[in-house]
Amino acid sequence: MIDYDIYILLNSEIILFVRATVKLLFSVVLQSKTVLKDCIDSFIQEKILLAAKAISDDACHKICDGDVILVYSRYCSVLC
């Protein structure tokens, strides 16, 4: 009877441990998703949008009235 009680106690401790671990992992996953989303947003802002702005600002000075401009994809970068 004593051995049986020890197993019940150990099983309940294991269940509590697993629950605590799952809660911890869940919070870590949520934080990781937030950090990853912030990194992706930062990359888009710095590497794509700011680069397009710099290119369009530089190109505005080189384009004259009546010039024909061939664009691929980001046509909004041509609008000055």
N, C-alpha and C. Protein backbone atom coordinates (compact mmCIF):
# COMPACT_ATOMS: atom_id res chain seq x y z
N MET A 1 0.81 -1.19 0.00
CA MET A 1 0.00 0.00 0.00
C MET A 1 0.86 1.26 0.00
N ILE A 2 2.00 1.22 0.65
CA ILE A 2 2.88 2.40 0.71
C ILE A 2 3.46 2.70 -0.67
N ASP A 3 3.87 1.67 -1.39
CA ASP A 3 4.43 1.87 -2.72
C ASP A 3 3.41 2.51 -3.65
N TYR A 4 2.18 2.12 -3.54
CA TYR A 4 1.11 2.65 -4.37
C TYR A 4 0.93 4.15 -4.11
N ASP A 5 0.97 4.58 -2.87
CA ASP A 5 0.83 5.99 -2.53
C ASP A 5 1.99 6.81 -3.09
N ILE A 6 3.16 6.26 -3.10
CA ILE A 6 4.32 6.96 -3.65
C ILE A 6 4.14 7.18 -5.15
N TYR A 7 3.63 6.18 -5.86
CA TYR A 7 3.40 6.33 -7.29
C TYR A 7 2.34 7.38 -7.58
N ILE A 8 1.31 7.42 -6.76
CA ILE A 8 0.27 8.44 -6.93
C ILE A 8 0.87 9.83 -6.72
N LEU A 9 1.69 9.97 -5.71
CA LEU A 9 2.33 11.25 -5.42
C LEU A 9 3.25 11.65 -6.57
N LEU A 10 4.04 10.71 -7.06
CA LEU A 10 4.95 11.01 -8.17
C LEU A 10 4.19 11.38 -9.43
N ASN A 11 3.11 10.67 -9.71
CA ASN A 11 2.30 10.97 -10.88
C ASN A 11 1.69 12.36 -10.80
N SER A 12 1.22 12.75 -9.62
CA SER A 12 0.63 14.08 -9.49
C SER A 12 1.71 15.16 -9.65
N GLU A 13 2.91 14.89 -9.16
CA GLU A 13 4.01 15.84 -9.33
C GLU A 13 4.40 15.96 -10.80
N ILE A 14 4.40 14.83 -11.48
CA ILE A 14 4.73 14.84 -12.91
C ILE A 14 3.69 15.65 -13.68
N ILE A 15 2.44 15.47 -13.37
CA ILE A 15 1.37 16.22 -14.04
C ILE A 15 1.53 17.71 -13.79
N LEU A 16 1.81 18.10 -12.56
CA LEU A 16 2.03 19.52 -12.26
C LEU A 16 3.24 20.06 -13.01
N PHE A 17 4.30 19.27 -13.07
CA PHE A 17 5.50 19.69 -13.78
C PHE A 17 5.22 19.87 -15.27
N VAL A 18 4.52 18.92 -15.86
CA VAL A 18 4.20 19.00 -17.29
C VAL A 18 3.31 20.22 -17.57
N ARG A 19 2.33 20.46 -16.74
CA ARG A 19 1.46 21.63 -16.92
C ARG A 19 2.26 22.93 -16.86
N ALA A 20 3.13 23.03 -15.88
CA ALA A 20 3.95 24.24 -15.74
C ALA A 20 4.87 24.41 -16.95
N THR A 21 5.44 23.31 -17.41
CA THR A 21 6.33 23.38 -18.57
C THR A 21 5.58 23.80 -19.82
N VAL A 22 4.39 23.27 -20.03
CA VAL A 22 3.58 23.63 -21.19
C VAL A 22 3.21 25.11 -21.14
N LYS A 23 2.83 25.61 -19.97
CA LYS A 23 2.50 27.04 -19.84
C LYS A 23 3.71 27.90 -20.17
N LEU A 24 4.87 27.49 -19.69
CA LEU A 24 6.09 28.24 -19.96
C LEU A 24 6.42 28.23 -21.45
N LEU A 25 6.34 27.07 -22.07
CA LEU A 25 6.64 26.96 -23.49
C LEU A 25 5.65 27.77 -24.32
N PHE A 26 4.38 27.77 -23.93
CA PHE A 26 3.37 28.54 -24.65
C PHE A 26 3.69 30.02 -24.60
N SER A 27 4.09 30.52 -23.43
CA SER A 27 4.42 31.94 -23.33
C SER A 27 5.67 32.27 -24.13
N VAL A 28 6.63 31.35 -24.16
CA VAL A 28 7.85 31.57 -24.94
C VAL A 28 7.52 31.62 -26.43
N VAL A 29 6.63 30.74 -26.88
CA VAL A 29 6.22 30.72 -28.29
C VAL A 29 5.54 32.04 -28.65
N LEU A 30 4.66 32.52 -27.80
CA LEU A 30 3.98 33.79 -28.08
C LEU A 30 4.98 34.94 -28.14
N GLN A 31 5.95 34.96 -27.24
CA GLN A 31 6.98 36.00 -27.27
C GLN A 31 7.84 35.87 -28.52
N SER A 32 8.15 34.65 -28.91
CA SER A 32 8.96 34.43 -30.11
C SER A 32 8.23 34.91 -31.35
N LYS A 33 6.94 34.66 -31.42
CA LYS A 33 6.16 35.13 -32.57
C LYS A 33 6.17 36.66 -32.63
N THR A 34 6.04 37.30 -31.48
CA THR A 34 6.04 38.75 -31.44
C THR A 34 7.40 39.31 -31.88
N VAL A 35 8.46 38.72 -31.39
CA VAL A 35 9.81 39.17 -31.76
C VAL A 35 10.05 38.95 -33.25
N LEU A 36 9.64 37.81 -33.77
CA LEU A 36 9.82 37.50 -35.19
C LEU A 36 9.03 38.48 -36.05
N LYS A 37 7.80 38.78 -35.66
CA LYS A 37 6.99 39.74 -36.41
C LYS A 37 7.63 41.12 -36.41
N ASP A 38 8.16 41.54 -35.28
CA ASP A 38 8.82 42.84 -35.19
C ASP A 38 10.07 42.88 -36.07
N CYS A 39 10.82 41.78 -36.11
CA CYS A 39 12.02 41.72 -36.95
C CYS A 39 11.66 41.79 -38.43
N ILE A 40 10.61 41.10 -38.81
CA ILE A 40 10.17 41.12 -40.21
C ILE A 40 9.69 42.52 -40.59
N ASP A 41 8.91 43.15 -39.73
CA ASP A 41 8.44 44.51 -40.00
C ASP A 41 9.61 45.49 -40.13
N SER A 42 10.59 45.34 -39.26
CA SER A 42 11.78 46.20 -39.31
C SER A 42 12.55 45.98 -40.61
N PHE A 43 12.70 44.72 -41.01
CA PHE A 43 13.40 44.42 -42.26
C PHE A 43 12.68 45.05 -43.45
N ILE A 44 11.37 44.90 -43.50
CA ILE A 44 10.59 45.48 -44.60
C ILE A 44 10.76 46.99 -44.63
N GLN A 45 10.69 47.62 -43.48
CA GLN A 45 10.82 49.07 -43.40
C GLN A 45 12.21 49.53 -43.85
N GLU A 46 13.25 48.90 -43.32
CA GLU A 46 14.62 49.34 -43.59
C GLU A 46 15.12 48.96 -44.98
N LYS A 47 14.89 47.73 -45.38
CA LYS A 47 15.50 47.23 -46.61
C LYS A 47 14.66 47.44 -47.86
N ILE A 48 13.36 47.55 -47.72
CA ILE A 48 12.51 47.64 -48.90
C ILE A 48 11.93 49.04 -49.05
N LEU A 49 11.21 49.51 -48.05
CA LEU A 49 10.53 50.80 -48.18
C LEU A 49 11.50 51.97 -48.21
N LEU A 50 12.50 51.97 -47.34
CA LEU A 50 13.47 53.06 -47.36
C LEU A 50 14.33 53.03 -48.62
N ALA A 51 14.64 51.84 -49.12
CA ALA A 51 15.40 51.72 -50.36
C ALA A 51 14.58 52.25 -51.54
N ALA A 52 13.32 51.93 -51.58
CA ALA A 52 12.45 52.43 -52.65
C ALA A 52 12.35 53.95 -52.58
N LYS A 53 12.25 54.49 -51.38
CA LYS A 53 12.19 55.95 -51.20
C LYS A 53 13.48 56.60 -51.68
N ALA A 54 14.62 56.03 -51.33
CA ALA A 54 15.91 56.58 -51.76
C ALA A 54 16.06 56.52 -53.28
N ILE A 55 15.64 55.42 -53.87
CA ILE A 55 15.73 55.28 -55.33
C ILE A 55 14.84 56.30 -56.01
N SER A 56 13.61 56.44 -55.52
CA SER A 56 12.70 57.39 -56.17
C SER A 56 13.16 58.83 -55.98
N ASP A 57 13.72 59.15 -54.82
CA ASP A 57 14.24 60.51 -54.61
C ASP A 57 15.40 60.80 -55.56
N ASP A 58 16.28 59.83 -55.76
CA ASP A 58 17.42 60.01 -56.66
C ASP A 58 16.95 60.09 -58.11
N ALA A 59 15.97 59.26 -58.46
CA ALA A 59 15.49 59.23 -59.85
C ALA A 59 14.70 60.47 -60.21
N CYS A 60 14.07 61.11 -59.25
CA CYS A 60 13.26 62.31 -59.55
C CYS A 60 14.09 63.40 -60.20
N HIS A 61 15.33 63.49 -59.82
CA HIS A 61 16.20 64.54 -60.37
C HIS A 61 16.69 64.20 -61.78
N LYS A 62 16.59 62.95 -62.17
CA LYS A 62 17.11 62.52 -63.47
C LYS A 62 16.02 62.39 -64.53
N ILE A 63 14.77 62.51 -64.13
CA ILE A 63 13.66 62.33 -65.06
C ILE A 63 13.16 63.71 -65.50
N CYS A 64 13.03 63.86 -66.81
CA CYS A 64 12.54 65.12 -67.37
C CYS A 64 11.12 64.92 -67.89
N ASP A 65 10.40 66.03 -68.10
CA ASP A 65 9.05 65.94 -68.66
C ASP A 65 9.12 65.30 -70.03
N GLY A 66 8.20 64.38 -70.29
CA GLY A 66 8.13 63.71 -71.58
C GLY A 66 8.94 62.42 -71.64
N ASP A 67 9.73 62.12 -70.62
CA ASP A 67 10.49 60.87 -70.60
C ASP A 67 9.54 59.70 -70.41
N VAL A 68 9.86 58.59 -71.06
CA VAL A 68 9.11 57.36 -70.90
C VAL A 68 9.86 56.50 -69.87
N ILE A 69 9.12 56.01 -68.90
CA ILE A 69 9.73 55.24 -67.83
C ILE A 69 9.16 53.83 -67.85
N LEU A 70 10.03 52.86 -67.94
CA LEU A 70 9.63 51.47 -67.88
C LEU A 70 9.88 50.98 -66.45
N VAL A 71 8.83 50.49 -65.81
CA VAL A 71 8.97 50.04 -64.42
C VAL A 71 8.59 48.58 -64.32
N TYR A 72 9.13 47.95 -63.31
CA TYR A 72 8.80 46.57 -63.01
C TYR A 72 8.35 46.51 -61.57
N SER A 73 7.13 46.15 -61.35
CA SER A 73 6.57 45.91 -60.03
C SER A 73 6.24 47.20 -59.29
N ARG A 74 7.18 47.84 -58.64
CA ARG A 74 6.91 48.94 -57.73
C ARG A 74 6.73 50.26 -58.49
N TYR A 75 5.65 50.37 -59.24
CA TYR A 75 5.40 51.59 -60.03
C TYR A 75 5.22 52.81 -59.14
N CYS A 76 4.77 52.61 -57.89
CA CYS A 76 4.55 53.75 -57.01
C CYS A 76 5.86 54.43 -56.64
N SER A 77 6.99 53.78 -56.83
CA SER A 77 8.28 54.39 -56.54
C SER A 77 8.63 55.46 -57.56
N VAL A 78 8.00 55.41 -58.73
CA VAL A 78 8.30 56.37 -59.78
C VAL A 78 7.55 57.68 -59.54
N LEU A 79 6.44 57.63 -58.84
CA LEU A 79 5.67 58.84 -58.61
C LEU A 79 6.46 59.78 -57.72
N CYS A 80 6.71 60.97 -58.21
CA CYS A 80 7.53 61.93 -57.44
C CYS A 80 6.66 62.91 -56.69
